[in-house]
PDB file of N, CA and C in Angstrom:
ATOM      1  N   MET A   1      95.007 185.515  61.781  1.00  0.00           N
ATOM      2  CA  MET A   1      96.163 186.108  61.140  1.00  0.00           C
ATOM      3  C   MET A   1      95.687 187.302  60.321  1.00  0.00           C
ATOM      4  N   LYS A   2      96.387 188.419  60.419  1.00  0.00           N
ATOM      5  CA  LYS A   2      96.007 189.638  59.712  1.00  0.00           C
ATOM      6  C   LYS A   2      96.983 189.934  58.578  1.00  0.00           C
ATOM      7  N   CYS A   3      96.469 190.497  57.500  1.00  0.00           N
ATOM      8  CA  CYS A   3      97.305 190.933  56.381  1.00  0.00           C
ATOM      9  C   CYS A   3      98.182 192.083  56.868  1.00  0.00           C
ATOM     10  N   PRO A   4      99.503 192.021  56.616  1.00  0.00           N
ATOM     11  CA  PRO A   4     100.376 193.094  57.088  1.00  0.00           C
ATOM     12  C   PRO A   4     100.185 194.407  56.331  1.00  0.00           C
ATOM     13  N   HIS A   5      99.505 194.372  55.196  1.00  0.00           N
ATOM     14  CA  HIS A   5      99.320 195.572  54.382  1.00  0.00           C
ATOM     15  C   HIS A   5      97.980 196.257  54.626  1.00  0.00           C
ATOM     16  N   CYS A   6      96.893 195.471  54.712  1.00  0.00           N
ATOM     17  CA  CYS A   6      95.563 196.085  54.829  1.00  0.00           C
ATOM     18  C   CYS A   6      94.854 195.752  56.138  1.00  0.00           C
ATOM     19  N   ASN A   7      95.473 194.910  56.991  1.00  0.00           N
ATOM     20  CA  ASN A   7      94.952 194.569  58.303  1.00  0.00           C
ATOM     21  C   ASN A   7      93.640 193.775  58.277  1.00  0.00           C
ATOM     22  N   ILE A   8      93.345 193.108  57.162  1.00  0.00           N
ATOM     23  CA  ILE A   8      92.149 192.272  57.052  1.00  0.00           C
ATOM     24  C   ILE A   8      92.484 190.880  57.579  1.00  0.00           C
ATOM     25  N   ASP A   9      91.511 190.247  58.269  1.00  0.00           N
ATOM     26  CA  ASP A   9      91.711 188.884  58.759  1.00  0.00           C
ATOM     27  C   ASP A   9      91.833 187.922  57.578  1.00  0.00           C
ATOM     28  N   LEU A  10      92.883 187.093  57.607  1.00  0.00           N
ATOM     29  CA  LEU A  10      93.120 186.095  56.570  1.00  0.00           C
ATOM     30  C   LEU A  10      92.801 184.709  57.115  1.00  0.00           C
ATOM     31  N   PRO A  11      92.275 183.812  56.268  1.00  0.00           N
ATOM     32  CA  PRO A  11      92.052 182.442  56.724  1.00  0.00           C
ATOM     33  C   PRO A  11      93.393 181.810  57.062  1.00  0.00           C
ATOM     34  N   SER A  12      93.479 181.179  58.214  1.00  0.00           N
ATOM     35  CA  SER A  12      94.752 180.596  58.627  1.00  0.00           C
ATOM     36  C   SER A  12      94.516 179.293  59.375  1.00  0.00           C
ATOM     37  N   GLN A  13      95.609 178.586  59.568  1.00  0.00           N
ATOM     38  CA  GLN A  13      95.587 177.341  60.337  1.00  0.00           C
ATOM     39  C   GLN A  13      96.758 177.361  61.312  1.00  0.00           C
ATOM     40  N   GLU A  14      96.688 176.526  62.322  1.00  0.00           N
ATOM     41  CA  GLU A  14      97.746 176.498  63.331  1.00  0.00           C
ATOM     42  C   GLU A  14      98.778 175.437  62.984  1.00  0.00           C
ATOM     43  N   CYS A  15     100.051 175.801  63.096  1.00  0.00           N
ATOM     44  CA  CYS A  15     101.148 174.855  62.882  1.00  0.00           C
ATOM     45  C   CYS A  15     101.130 173.829  64.009  1.00  0.00           C
ATOM     46  N   ARG A  16     101.252 172.555  63.662  1.00  0.00           N
ATOM     47  CA  ARG A  16     101.243 171.489  64.668  1.00  0.00           C
ATOM     48  C   ARG A  16     102.521 171.471  65.504  1.00  0.00           C
ATOM     49  N   GLU A  17     103.592 172.039  64.966  1.00  0.00           N
ATOM     50  CA  GLU A  17     104.873 172.006  65.662  1.00  0.00           C
ATOM     51  C   GLU A  17     105.059 173.189  66.612  1.00  0.00           C
ATOM     52  N   CYS A  18     104.913 174.429  66.099  1.00  0.00           N
ATOM     53  CA  CYS A  18     105.214 175.609  66.922  1.00  0.00           C
ATOM     54  C   CYS A  18     103.976 176.435  67.276  1.00  0.00           C
ATOM     55  N   HIS A  19     102.808 176.045  66.757  1.00  0.00           N
ATOM     56  CA  HIS A  19     101.522 176.685  67.043  1.00  0.00           C
ATOM     57  C   HIS A  19     101.389 178.102  66.477  1.00  0.00           C
ATOM     58  N   ALA A  20     102.224 178.467  65.516  1.00  0.00           N
ATOM     59  CA  ALA A  20     102.101 179.764  64.847  1.00  0.00           C
ATOM     60  C   ALA A  20     100.915 179.721  63.895  1.00  0.00           C
ATOM     61  N   ARG A  21     100.349 180.874  63.574  1.00  0.00           N
ATOM     62  CA  ARG A  21      99.272 180.963  62.597  1.00  0.00           C
ATOM     63  C   ARG A  21      99.903 181.039  61.208  1.00  0.00           C
ATOM     64  N   VAL A  22      99.462 180.174  60.294  1.00  0.00           N
ATOM     65  CA  VAL A  22     100.007 180.073  58.941  1.00  0.00           C
ATOM     66  C   VAL A  22      98.852 180.255  57.957  1.00  0.00           C
ATOM     67  N   PRO A  23      99.047 181.005  56.860  1.00  0.00           N
ATOM     68  CA  PRO A  23      97.974 181.154  55.873  1.00  0.00           C
ATOM     69  C   PRO A  23      97.444 179.785  55.441  1.00  0.00           C
ATOM     70  N   MET A  24      96.158 179.706  55.186  1.00  0.00           N
ATOM     71  CA  MET A  24      95.484 178.457  54.867  1.00  0.00           C
ATOM     72  C   MET A  24      96.141 177.709  53.712  1.00  0.00           C
ATOM     73  N   GLU A  25      96.602 178.410  52.696  1.00  0.00           N
ATOM     74  CA  GLU A  25      97.205 177.772  51.530  1.00  0.00           C
ATOM     75  C   GLU A  25      98.708 177.556  51.689  1.00  0.00           C
ATOM     76  N   GLY A  26      99.278 177.908  52.858  1.00  0.00           N
ATOM     77  CA  GLY A  26     100.713 177.734  53.078  1.00  0.00           C
ATOM     78  C   GLY A  26     101.100 176.266  53.100  1.00  0.00           C
ATOM     79  N   LYS A  27     102.192 175.934  52.440  1.00  0.00           N
ATOM     80  CA  LYS A  27     102.661 174.549  52.408  1.00  0.00           C
ATOM     81  C   LYS A  27     103.602 174.255  53.571  1.00  0.00           C
ATOM     82  N   PHE A  28     104.263 175.316  54.084  1.00  0.00           N
ATOM     83  CA  PHE A  28     105.194 175.165  55.194  1.00  0.00           C
ATOM     84  C   PHE A  28     104.984 176.302  56.176  1.00  0.00           C
ATOM     85  N   CYS A  29     105.280 176.045  57.442  1.00  0.00           N
ATOM     86  CA  CYS A  29     105.205 177.080  58.475  1.00  0.00           C
ATOM     87  C   CYS A  29     106.322 178.087  58.236  1.00  0.00           C
ATOM     88  N   HIS A  30     106.001 179.365  58.298  1.00  0.00           N
ATOM     89  CA  HIS A  30     106.995 180.411  58.058  1.00  0.00           C
ATOM     90  C   HIS A  30     107.931 180.607  59.246  1.00  0.00           C
ATOM     91  N   LEU A  31     107.613 180.027  60.393  1.00  0.00           N
ATOM     92  CA  LEU A  31     108.496 180.165  61.559  1.00  0.00           C
ATOM     93  C   LEU A  31     109.414 178.960  61.759  1.00  0.00           C
ATOM     94  N   CYS A  32     108.846 177.756  61.737  1.00  0.00           N
ATOM     95  CA  CYS A  32     109.659 176.576  62.033  1.00  0.00           C
ATOM     96  C   CYS A  32     109.947 175.706  60.811  1.00  0.00           C
ATOM     97  N   GLY A  33     109.234 175.928  59.703  1.00  0.00           N
ATOM     98  CA  GLY A  33     109.477 175.158  58.484  1.00  0.00           C
ATOM     99  C   GLY A  33     108.743 173.836  58.404  1.00  0.00           C
ATOM    100  N   ALA A  34     107.898 173.540  59.387  1.00  0.00           N
ATOM    101  CA  ALA A  34     107.156 172.275  59.365  1.00  0.00           C
ATOM    102  C   ALA A  34     106.198 172.247  58.179  1.00  0.00           C
ATOM    103  N   GLU A  35     106.030 171.061  57.601  1.00  0.00           N
ATOM    104  CA  GLU A  35     105.101 170.915  56.482  1.00  0.00           C
ATOM    105  C   GLU A  35     103.668 171.010  57.006  1.00  0.00           C
ATOM    106  N   MET A  36     102.850 171.778  56.301  1.00  0.00           N
ATOM    107  CA  MET A  36     101.462 171.971  56.708  1.00  0.00           C
ATOM    108  C   MET A  36     100.567 170.975  55.973  1.00  0.00           C
ATOM    109  N   PRO A  37      99.472 170.540  56.593  1.00  0.00           N
ATOM    110  CA  PRO A  37      98.548 169.628  55.908  1.00  0.00           C
ATOM    111  C   PRO A  37      97.836 170.351  54.771  1.00  0.00           C
ATOM    112  N   VAL A  38      97.438 169.596  53.763  1.00  0.00           N
ATOM    113  CA  VAL A  38      96.705 170.156  52.635  1.00  0.00           C
ATOM    114  C   VAL A  38      95.295 170.490  53.096  1.00  0.00           C
ATOM    115  N   PRO A  39      94.815 171.739  52.865  1.00  0.00           N
ATOM    116  CA  PRO A  39      93.443 172.068  53.262  1.00  0.00           C
ATOM    117  C   PRO A  39      92.440 171.131  52.592  1.00  0.00           C
ATOM    118  N   GLU A  40      91.348 170.830  53.279  1.00  0.00           N
ATOM    119  CA  GLU A  40      90.353 169.885  52.768  1.00  0.00           C
ATOM    120  C   GLU A  40      89.831 170.268  51.399  1.00  0.00           C
ATOM    121  N   SER A  41      89.576 171.548  51.160  1.00  0.00           N
ATOM    122  CA  SER A  41      89.035 171.970  49.870  1.00  0.00           C
ATOM    123  C   SER A  41      90.013 171.672  48.746  1.00  0.00           C
ATOM    124  N   ALA A  42      91.323 171.833  48.971  1.00  0.00           N
ATOM    125  CA  ALA A  42      92.322 171.540  47.951  1.00  0.00           C
ATOM    126  C   ALA A  42      92.476 170.037  47.762  1.00  0.00           C
ATOM    127  N   ALA A  43      92.369 169.283  48.845  1.00  0.00           N
ATOM    128  CA  ALA A  43      92.505 167.836  48.755  1.00  0.00           C
ATOM    129  C   ALA A  43      91.364 167.230  47.947  1.00  0.00           C
ATOM    130  N   GLU A  44      90.154 167.767  48.100  1.00  0.00           N
ATOM    131  CA  GLU A  44      88.996 167.250  47.381  1.00  0.00           C
ATOM    132  C   GLU A  44      89.107 167.480  45.883  1.00  0.00           C
ATOM    133  N   SER A  45      89.649 168.630  45.474  1.00  0.00           N
ATOM    134  CA  SER A  45      89.709 168.951  44.055  1.00  0.00           C
ATOM    135  C   SER A  45      90.997 168.474  43.402  1.00  0.00           C
ATOM    136  N   GLY A  46      91.938 167.969  44.174  1.00  0.00           N
ATOM    137  CA  GLY A  46      93.160 167.432  43.617  1.00  0.00           C
ATOM    138  C   GLY A  46      94.272 168.456  43.525  1.00  0.00           C
ATOM    139  N   GLU A  47      94.102 169.525  42.825  1.00  0.00           N
ATOM    140  CA  GLU A  47      95.150 170.519  42.610  1.00  0.00           C
ATOM    141  C   GLU A  47      94.722 171.901  43.073  1.00  0.00           C
ATOM    142  N   GLY A  48      93.965 172.004  44.111  1.00  0.00           N
ATOM    143  CA  GLY A  48      93.549 173.305  44.593  1.00  0.00           C
ATOM    144  C   GLY A  48      92.481 173.936  43.716  1.00  0.00           C
ATOM    145  N   GLY A  49      91.794 173.132  42.893  1.00  0.00           N
ATOM    146  CA  GLY A  49      90.706 173.644  42.075  1.00  0.00           C
ATOM    147  C   GLY A  49      91.137 174.218  40.741  1.00  0.00           C
ATOM    148  N   ILE A  50      92.420 174.182  40.418  1.00  0.00           N
ATOM    149  CA  ILE A  50      92.891 174.726  39.152  1.00  0.00           C
ATOM    150  C   ILE A  50      93.162 173.576  38.199  1.00  0.00           C
ATOM    151  N   ASP A  51      92.548 173.625  37.022  1.00  0.00           N
ATOM    152  CA  ASP A  51      92.772 172.598  36.011  1.00  0.00           C
ATOM    153  C   ASP A  51      93.619 173.205  34.902  1.00  0.00           C
ATOM    154  N   PHE A  52      94.928 172.966  34.955  1.00  0.00           N
ATOM    155  CA  PHE A  52      95.839 173.563  33.990  1.00  0.00           C
ATOM    156  C   PHE A  52      95.705 172.961  32.598  1.00  0.00           C
ATOM    157  N   SER A  53      95.115 171.795  32.463  1.00  0.00           N
ATOM    158  CA  SER A  53      94.996 171.164  31.150  1.00  0.00           C
ATOM    159  C   SER A  53      94.009 171.897  30.240  1.00  0.00           C
ATOM    160  N   ASP A  54      93.082 172.661  30.804  1.00  0.00           N
ATOM    161  CA  ASP A  54      92.080 173.353  30.005  1.00  0.00           C
ATOM    162  C   ASP A  54      92.401 174.815  29.723  1.00  0.00           C
ATOM    163  N   ARG A  55      93.541 175.318  30.191  1.00  0.00           N
ATOM    164  CA  ARG A  55      93.845 176.732  30.004  1.00  0.00           C
ATOM    165  C   ARG A  55      94.232 177.022  28.554  1.00  0.00           C
ATOM    166  N   VAL A  56      93.911 178.231  28.121  1.00  0.00           N
ATOM    167  CA  VAL A  56      94.267 178.699  26.786  1.00  0.00           C
ATOM    168  C   VAL A  56      95.226 179.873  26.980  1.00  0.00           C
ATOM    169  N   LEU A  57      96.425 179.743  26.425  1.00  0.00           N
ATOM    170  CA  LEU A  57      97.423 180.791  26.585  1.00  0.00           C
ATOM    171  C   LEU A  57      97.131 181.980  25.684  1.00  0.00           C
ATOM    172  N   CYS A  58      97.630 183.141  26.074  1.00  0.00           N
ATOM    173  CA  CYS A  58      97.450 184.372  25.319  1.00  0.00           C
ATOM    174  C   CYS A  58      98.045 184.222  23.921  1.00  0.00           C
ATOM    175  N   SER A  59      97.381 184.827  22.935  1.00  0.00           N
ATOM    176  CA  SER A  59      97.838 184.779  21.543  1.00  0.00           C
ATOM    177  C   SER A  59      99.118 185.569  21.332  1.00  0.00           C
ATOM    178  N   ASP A  60      99.345 186.589  22.154  1.00  0.00           N
ATOM    179  CA  ASP A  60     100.550 187.407  22.044  1.00  0.00           C
ATOM    180  C   ASP A  60     101.735 186.558  22.506  1.00  0.00           C
ATOM    181  N   GLY A  61     102.683 186.328  21.662  1.00  0.00           N
ATOM    182  CA  GLY A  61     103.801 185.457  21.966  1.00  0.00           C
ATOM    183  C   GLY A  61     104.694 185.915  23.100  1.00  0.00           C
ATOM    184  N   THR A  62     104.565 187.162  23.542  1.00  0.00           N
ATOM    185  CA  THR A  62     105.408 187.673  24.621  1.00  0.00           C
ATOM    186  C   THR A  62     104.685 187.776  25.955  1.00  0.00           C
ATOM    187  N   CYS A  63     103.395 187.470  25.990  1.00  0.00           N
ATOM    188  CA  CYS A  63     102.586 187.609  27.199  1.00  0.00           C
ATOM    189  C   CYS A  63     102.502 186.278  27.944  1.00  0.00           C
ATOM    190  N   ILE A  64     102.419 186.339  29.277  1.00  0.00           N
ATOM    191  CA  ILE A  64     102.330 185.131  30.102  1.00  0.00           C
ATOM    192  C   ILE A  64     100.905 184.824  30.552  1.00  0.00           C
ATOM    193  N   GLY A  65      99.929 185.608  30.105  1.00  0.00           N
ATOM    194  CA  GLY A  65      98.548 185.454  30.563  1.00  0.00           C
ATOM    195  C   GLY A  65      97.819 184.284  29.932  1.00  0.00           C
ATOM    196  N   VAL A  66      96.633 184.045  30.464  1.00  0.00           N
ATOM    197  CA  VAL A  66      95.729 183.030  29.926  1.00  0.00           C
ATOM    198  C   VAL A  66      94.416 183.705  29.554  1.00  0.00           C
ATOM    199  N   ILE A  67      93.674 183.078  28.680  1.00  0.00           N
ATOM    200  CA  ILE A  67      92.408 183.634  28.216  1.00  0.00           C
ATOM    201  C   ILE A  67      91.319 183.293  29.231  1.00  0.00           C
ATOM    202  N   ASN A  68      90.574 184.319  29.642  1.00  0.00           N
ATOM    203  CA  ASN A  68      89.509 184.109  30.627  1.00  0.00           C
ATOM    204  C   ASN A  68      88.192 183.763  29.945  1.00  0.00           C
ATOM    205  N   GLU A  69      87.119 183.663  30.732  1.00  0.00           N
ATOM    206  CA  GLU A  69      85.807 183.268  30.207  1.00  0.00           C
ATOM    207  C   GLU A  69      85.211 184.298  29.248  1.00  0.00           C
ATOM    208  N   ARG A  70      85.713 185.536  29.272  1.00  0.00           N
ATOM    209  CA  ARG A  70      85.228 186.568  28.353  1.00  0.00           C
ATOM    210  C   ARG A  70      86.009 186.602  27.040  1.00  0.00           C
ATOM    211  N   GLY A  71      87.037 185.746  26.912  1.00  0.00           N
ATOM    212  CA  GLY A  71      87.807 185.654  25.682  1.00  0.00           C
ATOM    213  C   GLY A  71      88.950 186.644  25.573  1.00  0.00           C
ATOM    214  N   VAL A  72      89.344 187.242  26.714  1.00  0.00           N
ATOM    215  CA  VAL A  72      90.462 188.175  26.707  1.00  0.00           C
ATOM    216  C   VAL A  72      91.535 187.695  27.675  1.00  0.00           C
ATOM    217  N   CYS A  73      92.755 188.169  27.466  1.00  0.00           N
ATOM    218  CA  CYS A  73      93.892 187.772  28.290  1.00  0.00           C
ATOM    219  C   CYS A  73      93.785 188.382  29.681  1.00  0.00           C
ATOM    220  N   THR A  74      94.133 187.588  30.689  1.00  0.00           N
ATOM    221  CA  THR A  74      94.082 188.062  32.071  1.00  0.00           C
ATOM    222  C   THR A  74      95.218 189.025  32.392  1.00  0.00           C
ATOM    223  N   GLU A  75      96.283 189.051  31.594  1.00  0.00           N
ATOM    224  CA  GLU A  75      97.421 189.931  31.850  1.00  0.00           C
ATOM    225  C   GLU A  75      97.388 191.195  31.002  1.00  0.00           C
ATOM    226  N   CYS A  76      97.298 191.045  29.682  1.00  0.00           N
ATOM    227  CA  CYS A  76      97.416 192.208  28.790  1.00  0.00           C
ATOM    228  C   CYS A  76      96.074 192.726  28.295  1.00  0.00           C
ATOM    229  N   GLY A  77      95.010 191.936  28.434  1.00  0.00           N
ATOM    230  CA  GLY A  77      93.680 192.379  28.035  1.00  0.00           C
ATOM    231  C   GLY A  77      93.362 192.219  26.563  1.00  0.00           C
ATOM    232  N   LYS A  78      94.283 191.672  25.774  1.00  0.00           N
ATOM    233  CA  LYS A  78      94.038 191.493  24.337  1.00  0.00           C
ATOM    234  C   LYS A  78      93.063 190.346  24.112  1.00  0.00           C
ATOM    235  N   PRO A  79      92.202 190.460  23.094  1.00  0.00           N
ATOM    236  CA  PRO A  79      91.294 189.350  22.785  1.00  0.00           C
ATOM    237  C   PRO A  79      92.060 188.185  22.165  1.00  0.00           C
ATOM    238  N   TYR A  80      91.545 186.991  22.344  1.00  0.00           N
ATOM    239  CA  TYR A  80      92.172 185.793  21.814  1.00  0.00           C
ATOM    240  C   TYR A  80      91.970 185.730  20.313  1.00  0.00           C
ATOM    241  N   THR A  81      93.066 185.538  19.560  1.00  0.00           N
ATOM    242  CA  THR A  81      92.974 185.470  18.093  1.00  0.00           C
ATOM    243  C   THR A  81      93.070 184.069  17.564  1.00  0.00           C
ATOM    244  N   GLY A  82      93.432 183.108  18.401  1.00  0.00           N
ATOM    245  CA  GLY A  82      93.494 181.723  17.975  1.00  0.00           C
ATOM    246  C   GLY A  82      94.870 181.273  17.556  1.00  0.00           C
ATOM    247  N   GLU A  83      95.803 182.172  17.442  1.00  0.00           N
ATOM    248  CA  GLU A  83      97.164 181.783  17.053  1.00  0.00           C
ATOM    249  C   GLU A  83      98.173 182.691  17.720  1.00  0.00           C
ATOM    250  N   SER A  84      99.379 182.181  17.952  1.00  0.00           N
ATOM    251  CA  SER A  84     100.439 183.006  18.529  1.00  0.00           C
ATOM    252  C   SER A  84     101.032 183.890  17.461  1.00  0.00           C
ATOM    253  N   GLU A  85     101.425 185.098  17.879  1.00  0.00           N
ATOM    254  CA  GLU A  85     102.028 186.036  16.923  1.00  0.00           C
ATOM    255  C   GLU A  85     103.488 185.783  16.778  1.00  0.00           C
TER     256      GLU A  85
END
């Protein structure tokens, strides 16, 4: 399966119902709507490798970002101050 914007090959899997190529992380086939199996890597980690319980939200009360490993927000770039404004 190729990206429609940049033409790069994307990891994909075959739909068991209609045999269309579906992105690896797709939950449903975009052609027939069949439910896709959970990829093995996501099944092993439980939630696709994302642990939402450990995230730290941005200190800016209007931003939707989270604080990354460098201590800055992933959306607005502001450093974490420890409290919401």
